[in-house]
C-alpha atoms as a PDB file:
ATOM      1  CA  GLY A   1     101.130  70.709  82.750  1.00  0.00           C
ATOM      2  CA  ILE A   2     100.023  72.884  85.647  1.00  0.00           C
ATOM      3  CA  ALA A   3     103.435  74.515  86.111  1.00  0.00           C
ATOM      4  CA  ALA A   4     103.543  75.517  82.434  1.00  0.00           C
ATOM      5  CA  VAL A   5     100.051  77.031  82.635  1.00  0.00           C
ATOM      6  CA  ASN A   6     100.953  78.949  85.807  1.00  0.00           C
ATOM      7  CA  LEU A   7     104.163  80.194  84.171  1.00  0.00           C
ATOM      8  CA  THR A   8     102.204  81.360  81.109  1.00  0.00           C
ATOM      9  CA  ILE A   9      99.619  83.176  83.240  1.00  0.00           C
ATOM     10  CA  MET A  10     102.345  84.826  85.331  1.00  0.00           C
ATOM     11  CA  SER A  11     104.231  85.843  82.189  1.00  0.00           C
ATOM     12  CA  ARG A  12     101.111  87.470  80.684  1.00  0.00           C
ATOM     13  CA  ARG A  13     100.425  89.378  83.905  1.00  0.00           C
ATOM     14  CA  MET A  14     103.993  90.687  83.917  1.00  0.00           C
ATOM     15  CA  GLN A  15     103.712  91.716  80.251  1.00  0.00           C
ATOM     16  CA  LYS A  16     100.451  93.544  80.968  1.00  0.00           C
ATOM     17  CA  SER A  17     102.070  95.305  83.927  1.00  0.00           C
ATOM     18  CA  ILE A  18     105.158  96.328  81.940  1.00  0.00           C
ATOM     19  CA  PHE A  19     103.020  97.541  79.024  1.00  0.00           C
ATOM     20  CA  SER A  20     100.847  99.552  81.433  1.00  0.00           C
ATOM     21  CA  GLN A  21     103.910 101.186  82.990  1.00  0.00           C
ATOM     22  CA  GLN A  22     105.321 102.060  79.571  1.00  0.00           C
ATOM     23  CA  ARG A  23     101.975 103.504  78.412  1.00  0.00           C
ATOM     24  CA  ALA A  24     101.619 105.553  81.604  1.00  0.00           C
ATOM     25  CA  LEU A  25     105.140 106.947  81.243  1.00  0.00           C
ATOM     26  CA  SER A  26     104.590 107.764  77.570  1.00  0.00           C
ATOM     27  CA  ASP A  27     101.273 109.526  78.261  1.00  0.00           C
ATOM     28  CA  ALA A  28     102.750 111.389  81.236  1.00  0.00           C
ATOM     29  CA  ARG A  29     105.635 112.567  79.064  1.00  0.00           C
ATOM     30  CA  LYS A  30     103.193 113.769  76.346  1.00  0.00           C
ATOM     31  CA  ALA A  31     101.127 115.612  78.971  1.00  0.00           C
ATOM     32  CA  ILE A  32     104.184 117.359  80.441  1.00  0.00           C
ATOM     33  CA  GLU A  33     105.414 118.301  76.944  1.00  0.00           C
ATOM     34  CA  THR A  34     101.972 119.716  76.099  1.00  0.00           C
ATOM     35  CA  PHE A  35     101.883 121.797  79.298  1.00  0.00           C
ATOM     36  CA  ASN A  36     105.404 123.070  78.693  1.00  0.00           C
ATOM     37  CA  SER A  37     104.910 123.909  75.031  1.00  0.00           C
ATOM     38  CA  GLN A  38     101.426 125.403  75.330  1.00  0.00           C
ATOM     39  CA  ILE A  39     101.205 127.057  78.760  1.00  0.00           C
ATOM     40  CA  ARG A  40     104.712 128.524  78.634  1.00  0.00           C
ATOM     41  CA  MET A  41     103.785 130.320  75.383  1.00  0.00           C
ATOM     42  CA  ALA A  42     100.447 131.542  76.755  1.00  0.00           C
ATOM     43  CA  THR A  43      99.691 135.111  77.725  1.00  0.00           C
ATOM     44  CA  THR A  44      98.435 135.854  81.216  1.00  0.00           C
ATOM     45  CA  PRO A  45      95.996 135.627  82.742  1.00  0.00           C
ATOM     46  CA  LEU A  46      94.890 132.043  82.180  1.00  0.00           C
ATOM     47  CA  SER A  47      91.363 131.012  83.076  1.00  0.00           C
ATOM     48  CA  VAL A  48      90.419 127.819  84.915  1.00  0.00           C
ATOM     49  CA  VAL A  49      86.849 126.586  84.558  1.00  0.00           C
ATOM     50  CA  ASP A  50      85.054 124.375  87.079  1.00  0.00           C
ATOM     51  CA  SER A  51      82.550 121.568  86.388  1.00  0.00           C
ATOM     52  CA  SER A  52      79.686 124.102  86.212  1.00  0.00           C
ATOM     53  CA  GLY A  53      81.450 126.070  83.476  1.00  0.00           C
ATOM     54  CA  ASN A  54      82.266 128.971  85.781  1.00  0.00           C
ATOM     55  CA  SER A  55      85.622 130.690  86.150  1.00  0.00           C
ATOM     56  CA  ALA A  56      87.313 129.351  89.287  1.00  0.00           C
ATOM     57  CA  THR A  57      90.643 128.946  91.038  1.00  0.00           C
ATOM     58  CA  GLN A  58      90.549 125.175  90.483  1.00  0.00           C
ATOM     59  CA  GLY A  59      88.839 123.018  87.844  1.00  0.00           C
ATOM     60  CA  ASN A  60      89.292 120.541  85.003  1.00  0.00           C
ATOM     61  CA  ARG A  61      89.588 122.973  82.074  1.00  0.00           C
ATOM     62  CA  VAL A  62      92.127 125.724  81.521  1.00  0.00           C
ATOM     63  CA  LEU A  63      91.595 128.343  78.803  1.00  0.00           C
ATOM     64  CA  PHE A  64      94.456 130.407  77.411  1.00  0.00           C
ATOM     65  CA  ALA A  65      95.745 132.264  74.383  1.00  0.00           C
ATOM     66  CA  ARG A  66      99.036 133.291  72.834  1.00  0.00           C
ATOM     67  CA  ASN A  67     100.082 136.838  71.920  1.00  0.00           C
ATOM     68  CA  GLY A  68      97.652 138.328  69.401  1.00  0.00           C
ATOM     69  CA  GLU A  69      94.939 135.688  69.953  1.00  0.00           C
ATOM     70  CA  ALA A  70      91.522 136.192  71.510  1.00  0.00           C
ATOM     71  CA  ALA A  71      91.295 135.201  75.182  1.00  0.00           C
ATOM     72  CA  GLY A  72      90.302 131.555  75.611  1.00  0.00           C
ATOM     73  CA  LYS A  73      91.233 130.540  72.068  1.00  0.00           C
ATOM     74  CA  ARG A  74      93.029 127.393  73.328  1.00  0.00           C
ATOM     75  CA  ALA A  75      92.199 124.890  76.054  1.00  0.00           C
ATOM     76  CA  ILE A  76      93.562 121.910  77.919  1.00  0.00           C
ATOM     77  CA  GLU A  77      90.904 119.807  79.594  1.00  0.00           C
ATOM     78  CA  LEU A  78      90.448 116.625  81.581  1.00  0.00           C
ATOM     79  CA  LYS A  79      87.269 115.018  80.179  1.00  0.00           C
ATOM     80  CA  SER A  80      85.287 112.107  81.584  1.00  0.00           C
ATOM     81  CA  VAL A  81      82.467 110.084  80.028  1.00  0.00           C
ATOM     82  CA  ASP A  82      80.969 109.167  83.441  1.00  0.00           C
ATOM     83  CA  SER A  83      81.655 112.610  85.006  1.00  0.00           C
ATOM     84  CA  ASP A  84      83.814 110.948  87.690  1.00  0.00           C
ATOM     85  CA  MET A  85      87.308 112.392  87.337  1.00  0.00           C
ATOM     86  CA  THR A  86      88.753 109.922  89.880  1.00  0.00           C
ATOM     87  CA  THR A  87      88.007 106.860  87.692  1.00  0.00           C
ATOM     88  CA  PRO A  88      90.538 106.967  84.862  1.00  0.00           C
ATOM     89  CA  GLY A  89      89.164 104.272  82.537  1.00  0.00           C
ATOM     90  CA  ASP A  90      86.996 106.688  80.548  1.00  0.00           C
ATOM     91  CA  ASN A  91      88.993 109.887  81.094  1.00  0.00           C
ATOM     92  CA  THR A  92      91.116 111.704  78.527  1.00  0.00           C
ATOM     93  CA  LEU A  93      93.340 114.751  78.663  1.00  0.00           C
ATOM     94  CA  ILE A  94      92.774 116.802  75.540  1.00  0.00           C
ATOM     95  CA  TYR A  95      94.375 119.851  73.963  1.00  0.00           C
ATOM     96  CA  ASP A  96      92.074 122.078  71.900  1.00  0.00           C
ATOM     97  CA  PRO A  97      94.090 124.410  69.632  1.00  0.00           C
ATOM     98  CA  ASP A  98      91.001 126.439  68.677  1.00  0.00           C
ATOM     99  CA  THR A  99      87.965 126.408  70.972  1.00  0.00           C
ATOM    100  CA  SER A 100      85.819 128.054  68.272  1.00  0.00           C
ATOM    101  CA  VAL A 101      86.210 125.006  65.987  1.00  0.00           C
ATOM    102  CA  ALA A 102      84.284 121.833  66.830  1.00  0.00           C
ATOM    103  CA  ASN A 103      85.935 118.399  66.938  1.00  0.00           C
ATOM    104  CA  ASN A 104      89.540 119.547  66.503  1.00  0.00           C
ATOM    105  CA  GLU A 105      90.723 118.364  69.937  1.00  0.00           C
ATOM    106  CA  ILE A 106      93.908 116.326  70.239  1.00  0.00           C
ATOM    107  CA  ILE A 107      94.008 113.492  72.785  1.00  0.00           C
ATOM    108  CA  VAL A 108      97.141 113.876  74.880  1.00  0.00           C
ATOM    109  CA  ALA A 109      96.619 111.044  77.402  1.00  0.00           C
ATOM    110  CA  ARG A 110      94.138 108.301  78.247  1.00  0.00           C
ATOM    111  CA  MET A 111      93.554 106.473  81.555  1.00  0.00           C
ATOM    112  CA  ILE A 112      94.119 109.740  83.407  1.00  0.00           C
ATOM    113  CA  SER A 113      92.511 111.074  86.566  1.00  0.00           C
ATOM    114  CA  THR A 114      92.842 113.972  88.947  1.00  0.00           C
ATOM    115  CA  THR A 115      94.514 113.500  92.317  1.00  0.00           C
ATOM    116  CA  ASP A 116      92.607 116.438  93.796  1.00  0.00           C
ATOM    117  CA  THR A 117      88.798 116.292  93.948  1.00  0.00           C
ATOM    118  CA  ALA A 118      88.643 120.092  93.500  1.00  0.00           C
ATOM    119  CA  GLY A 119      90.062 119.753  89.977  1.00  0.00           C
ATOM    120  CA  ALA A 120      93.042 118.888  87.813  1.00  0.00           C
ATOM    121  CA  PHE A 121      94.256 122.490  87.442  1.00  0.00           C
ATOM    122  CA  ARG A 122      94.756 125.340  89.911  1.00  0.00           C
ATOM    123  CA  TYR A 123      95.514 128.917  88.907  1.00  0.00           C
ATOM    124  CA  VAL A 124      95.267 131.789  91.376  1.00  0.00           C
ATOM    125  CA  ASP A 125      96.359 134.827  89.358  1.00  0.00           C
ATOM    126  CA  SER A 126      98.931 136.133  86.869  1.00  0.00           C
ATOM    127  CA  ARG A 127     101.637 136.094  89.551  1.00  0.00           C
ATOM    128  CA  SER A 128     101.277 132.339  90.093  1.00  0.00           C
ATOM    129  CA  PRO A 129     101.939 129.310  87.879  1.00  0.00           C
ATOM    130  CA  LEU A 130      99.332 126.843  86.651  1.00  0.00           C
ATOM    131  CA  GLN A 131      99.484 123.801  88.925  1.00  0.00           C
ATOM    132  CA  THR A 132      98.453 120.331  87.742  1.00  0.00           C
ATOM    133  CA  PHE A 133      97.148 117.425  89.825  1.00  0.00           C
ATOM    134  CA  LEU A 134      96.990 114.414  87.500  1.00  0.00           C
ATOM    135  CA  ARG A 135      97.685 110.694  87.543  1.00  0.00           C
ATOM    136  CA  VAL A 136      98.086 108.499  84.463  1.00  0.00           C
ATOM    137  CA  GLY A 137      97.203 104.816  85.026  1.00  0.00           C
ATOM    138  CA  ASP A 138      95.386 103.308  87.982  1.00  0.00           C
ATOM    139  CA  PRO A 139      93.724 105.819  90.315  1.00  0.00           C
ATOM    140  CA  SER A 140      95.470 106.567  93.590  1.00  0.00           C
ATOM    141  CA  ALA A 141      92.352 105.433  95.475  1.00  0.00           C
ATOM    142  CA  GLY A 142      88.734 104.497  95.061  1.00  0.00           C
ATOM    143  CA  THR A 143      88.292 101.507  92.772  1.00  0.00           C
ATOM    144  CA  GLY A 144      89.864  98.604  94.659  1.00  0.00           C
ATOM    145  CA  GLN A 145      92.733  96.274  93.887  1.00  0.00           C
ATOM    146  CA  ALA A 146      90.661  93.876  91.732  1.00  0.00           C
ATOM    147  CA  ALA A 147      89.696  96.687  89.338  1.00  0.00           C
ATOM    148  CA  ALA A 148      93.306  97.902  89.167  1.00  0.00           C
ATOM    149  CA  ASN A 149      94.554  94.408  88.350  1.00  0.00           C
ATOM    150  CA  ALA A 150      91.938  94.039  85.616  1.00  0.00           C
ATOM    151  CA  ALA A 151      92.932  97.341  84.005  1.00  0.00           C
ATOM    152  CA  THR A 152      96.708  97.348  84.186  1.00  0.00           C
ATOM    153  CA  GLY A 153      98.074  94.115  85.598  1.00  0.00           C
ATOM    154  CA  ALA A 154      99.295  93.181  89.025  1.00  0.00           C
ATOM    155  CA  ASN A 155      99.541  95.946  91.620  1.00  0.00           C
ATOM    156  CA  TRP A 156      98.943  99.673  91.096  1.00  0.00           C
ATOM    157  CA  GLN A 157     100.423 101.109  87.919  1.00  0.00           C
ATOM    158  CA  GLY A 158     100.607 104.845  87.434  1.00  0.00           C
ATOM    159  CA  VAL A 159     102.552 108.073  87.183  1.00  0.00           C
ATOM    160  CA  GLU A 160     101.570 111.291  88.955  1.00  0.00           C
ATOM    161  CA  ILE A 161     101.961 114.623  87.174  1.00  0.00           C
ATOM    162  CA  ASN A 162     102.152 117.330  89.809  1.00  0.00           C
ATOM    163  CA  ILE A 163     103.907 120.211  88.089  1.00  0.00           C
ATOM    164  CA  SER A 164     103.697 123.987  88.027  1.00  0.00           C
ATOM    165  CA  VAL A 165     104.032 125.796  84.694  1.00  0.00           C
ATOM    166  CA  ALA A 166     104.163 129.581  84.406  1.00  0.00           C
ATOM    167  CA  PRO A 167     103.393 131.452  81.187  1.00  0.00           C
ATOM    168  CA  ARG A 168     106.382 133.423  79.897  1.00  0.00           C
ATOM    169  CA  ASN A 169     104.287 136.330  78.640  1.00  0.00           C
END
């Protein structure tokens, strides 16, 4: 009776945790592949945009183009429904292949947050790489253990994406 119920509950928690880890790894891999395939082919300089829409050193949107394209034709952006980039439940990482066309964005990852309150992307100038500060899965801090368990299973589940990618051009 009780032992079987406890075993079933424990088994479901483990399945949820394993699924969450697999999803986080898959989304992290897709994000890294997107950065590598898109930013490496970009021309310099890139442009990072802050939450006010202004050009900045660090923010949650990076605009770029390839050879022969208008500046800012493409974008990678961390979007949030509640405007809180540290709570991943409603956040998505998107790739926009043409910023002049509405609703053509591709979702790269869900349940993603920034690990740096200044923004998910940092770019100083054409001599430096684009740096990313992202975490797929539970946030690294801020929502409490109960919320993390509800979202992804027992304990904190997540993968951090802290990479630097330099355009080749």
